[in-house]
Each structure stands twice: as structure tokens, then as C-alpha cells.
Amino acid sequence: MTPPSSRLPWRAAILWALLALAIATLHAAVTVRQISPSSDLWDYAQQARQIARGEGFTSLYTYPTLLGAEEQPPYPVRWRMPLFSWRGAMMLQSGMSLPEGYFILAALAQALLVGMVLLLGAHFHSVRAGMIAAAAAIACPLLLDSFNPGLSQVPVAAFGLVVWLLLLRGRGLLTALFAAVVAAAIWYARAESLLFAPLWIAATWQGARGKGGDAGPTTRVAPKPRARAVAFSLALIALSAPWPFILRAMNGEAAPIQGNPMLLYTPQYPGYASSRTYLEAMPGYLAYILGHPATFALRWVKDFIGFLVDFGAGLGPIAIGLAMAGLLLRESKERYRDLAPTRLFFLAIALQIAAFAALQRSPRFLVPVVPLACVAIGIAAAPAWDRFCGRRMLALLFVLLIGERAATVAFDTREAARRYPPLPPALAEALRERAPAWPREQLLLTDVPDWSAWHLDRPALLLPTSRSMAQVMEDHPVAAILLSPDARGRNVADGDSVWIEVWDRVEPIEGFRGPIALPGGARLYER
């Protein structure tokens, strides 16, 4: 095995990061014009606006299942961590517009991610391995995600790689403490990042006992590895633990994240129906597993396999083929030896997929571990490239690897615009003309509440299920109901036949005027 380099190839990492920045900027310039009306970007943007104008970590929209009978807007945010919204507030205060600012942040994060991937590949194996890893990551459609562009996953993944590098390369307590600060920041951006905490602690031991790093290639055992691991752990706990108490102080809720994502898309709770119910008792995770063990097990296996399919499709056939060829060309006794130091990466991949197969299926949840897989691909493929590739062939393979991934991203970008078209600006303008007539304290019920809350700057509630409508109307004043052009499809997914009939028959709703036809095929009902 090639020993890890004592010096990291910073120049190569910067050059590849600049290439990644150029590609990510081009992707952002296209996708910023086609944000889906149900994208979480609208949610982050309006929460950032709330913070920027001094209203705290609150939201102008919420879900029926989180809405209390006496609760009034703005609502406490019980379904997100605060850092990404806070970063958006900083951009607003600096004069930058949202959600466009989030696309700039995503492009910069993609550049950092590709640079870190190259450095990790070089740390474990060679500069060549790092470059192959960077080429695999630079236009990966799981990272340049046209269906969910501009979200927090890529920044979190990029800084997660910073944590890995600090823990694997560092030797002293200062690097461990700095890694804990970065890890805590990631936790405040996405709560599930703490899944990696045990692996990060193990990485302090692996980094302390490995060759290379700050102390040079001849160092065999770094001083005080136990102290370094303890320092990282205690600092991470100290920085992360206050959030539940802060949340309780802000809104009386101790749990940082609420909801029942396990219940989504099962026979008992089709689609997002569980989030659209009001004042109904929802079973927790354990109760659901005990009550429906076969359904849960079947769904977990199905989603686990689905994640593996998404993972392979995201990495791409050329990258996977090069890695397999590199492994097969080695002697059997040496086939996996170079990959042995990355065993924590494989554990992280397995843990991420297993955890989210039990929660919610979406390819974007693979983002934190895709870069780790790219590092492994680089290490696996590097010896074969060293053996067979001259300079021209190497350049050709890089072009093929990046070009094939870029073509996939281009196809996904067009497909995302077709499957999840953005709402026309004319719709927002038409609603802004009508909304001043609605009492400010009254709710807008809609299947696109995050889009509505951002564009209209007024309280919105995710459209309740038909069986919950009467109770919602009794407890909370409602000014209007907005059905987006895709409202029928969302109700089909949730199995709500009453709302489907309202759409198909263009039926009026008791107590409201309408339906009023709006641009893009939306329908509005007003009091």
C-alpha cells in the first residue's frame, strides 16, 4: 500500500475546486429559475426573513399535525435546525436576495467538497487517487441535485469532510477541538449529522495511530490519542447539548425535531397524510414498529434496496467500472488492502442508508456519504490507472468520467423542470393583489404553504386532510384556500378522495367564494 503523504496537494485541490465551482455555478444559474413550489428553499428563505427582522427562529407556516388549537402565527420551527436559516438571515442583512443566496452558498460548498475529497484521497493513498475521487464527485447528480437544488445537504457534507480530514490528519488537541466546533456547526444545520459522531471519535484514534499527517510520515504513535478523542467528544457534547434547552426556552418544546417521517408512504399513512392531520393522536416510532412490524420491515428492506440503487446511479457506471477494474487487476491478497484504512467510510455509508431507510426515502439523504464513496473509488481505481494510463489516456478518462456525470446532471435538470415545474411569477403577482384584502391574522390553507409564506409574507398552513378541515376551521380563522396546479396529484398520493373530487368537479367549498381561476392553473377560494 502506498503510505499516506506527509504533505497534502493543496495546489491540486484548489485547481479542482475552481473547476467544481465553475460547473456548480453554471448548474445554479439554470436551476435557480426552476425551483419547485414544494422546495424546502422557500421554507428556509422565509425563516431567514423572520430571523433577519428580529422575530427569532419562527415560521409563517406550519403543519396541521404540529398546530395546537390555541396556537397563533408566527409558529415555532419544530422541524428544522437553525443554522442554515440563520446563514440566510445574514445574507439578507448583507443585501443579498433569497433564495438566490442559497445557490451561491451551494456552489461554494460544492467547490469545498471537491477539494476536500481530493485531499482525503491523497491522504489515504496518492494524489492520483485524490484526483480520481474529485473527478467522480465534481458533477455527481446526487451533489448537483436538480430536483432539490440549493439546500443544506451539500454545505453539511462539505464541512463533514473537513471534520474527517482534521481528525485523520491532526495530532494535537487543538485540531480535535476545532473539528468539534465544525461538527457542532453541522449538527445545528442538520440534526442527522450526529449519526457520524461515533465514527468521528473512532477517526481520532485511526488518525493518531496512522502515518503521515502533521507530524510527518515517520510518526507511528501520536502522543495522547485517548486525550484527543476525549477532547473531541466532550467539546462536541458541550457545543451540541444546549440546543434542546434553547428550543424549550424559545417555545416550550424540548425535542429539536418533531414529526412522524416513518409513517410516510405506508398503507396506514399514505403520502404526507400524517402531517396533514389535525389534533389526531399519532403513534411514535416504537409504537408504530410494534403495531405494524411486518409493514415496517417490508418498507425498510424496500427503501434500503432503493437507496443502494440511487447510490449506484449517482456515482455512475464509469466511476464504478474503473473502481472494479482497479480491484480485479490486483493480486487477490492485495485486492482490498488499500481500502482498509477507509473502513470507517464504509461504516458511515451503511449507517446513513440503514437509518434513512427507516425514516424517509429520498436520494438527497445520500449526499453526506457520496463524497466518502468517491474517495474509495479513487483509491480502488488509482493502481490500475498508474499501470495502464499515460498522460493522454489519463486526460481522456477524466473527460469521460466528468462528461458522463455532467450529461446526467443536464438530463436531470430538464427532467426536474418537467416533473416539478415552478409556479409562474404571474401567480405570485395575482395573489399579492388579492392578499391585502385578507385579514392578516387569518390563515391561507394551501398545498404549497412554504412557497406561499415566502411570496405573500403571511401565515399559511399545509392543506389539512378533508377529515380535519372542519376542526381546523372551527379553531382557526381562515381567509382563503389556494390549490396549486399540482394539488390533485398531492391528494392522490395521500389518498384523500374528497379533495380529489373538489378538484375534478371544480366544486365550490362551503363558506368560500370560488373557485377563482389564477395563472398557471391554480385555484383560489376566498371568504
Foldseek 3Di string as FASTA:
>chain_A
DAAFAQDFPLVVLLVLLVVLLVLLVVLLVQLVQFAFLQACQLVLLQQLVCVLVPNPRWGLEAFQAPDDLQDFPRHHDQAFFCLSSVVSNVCVVVVHDPPSVLSNVLSNLLSLQLSLLQRVLNRLHRNQLSVQLSLLSSQQCLSSPSQHPSADLSNLLSLVSVLLCLLQQPQDLVSLLVSLVSLLSSCSGPVCSCLCVVLSLVSNQNSQQGAHHPVHRVDGGGPPSVVSSVSNVVSNCVSNVCPLVVSCVVPNGRRNRDDAQLQECFPVFFHCQRRQAHPDDDDHLVVVCVVCVPRLVVQLVVLLVVLVVLLDVRSHDLLVVLLVVLLVPDPPVCSCVSVVSLVSLVVVQVSQSNVCSSGDRDSNSNSNNSSSVSSSSSSSNSVVCVVPPDPVNVVVSSCVSNVVSNVVNVVSNVVSCVVRGHADPQQLVVCLVVVVVFPQRAEEEECSQSSCCSSNVGRYYDHHAPVRVVVCVVSGHHFKYKYAQCNLVSCVSRVRVVVNCCVVVVDADPPWDDQDAGPPGMTMTGD
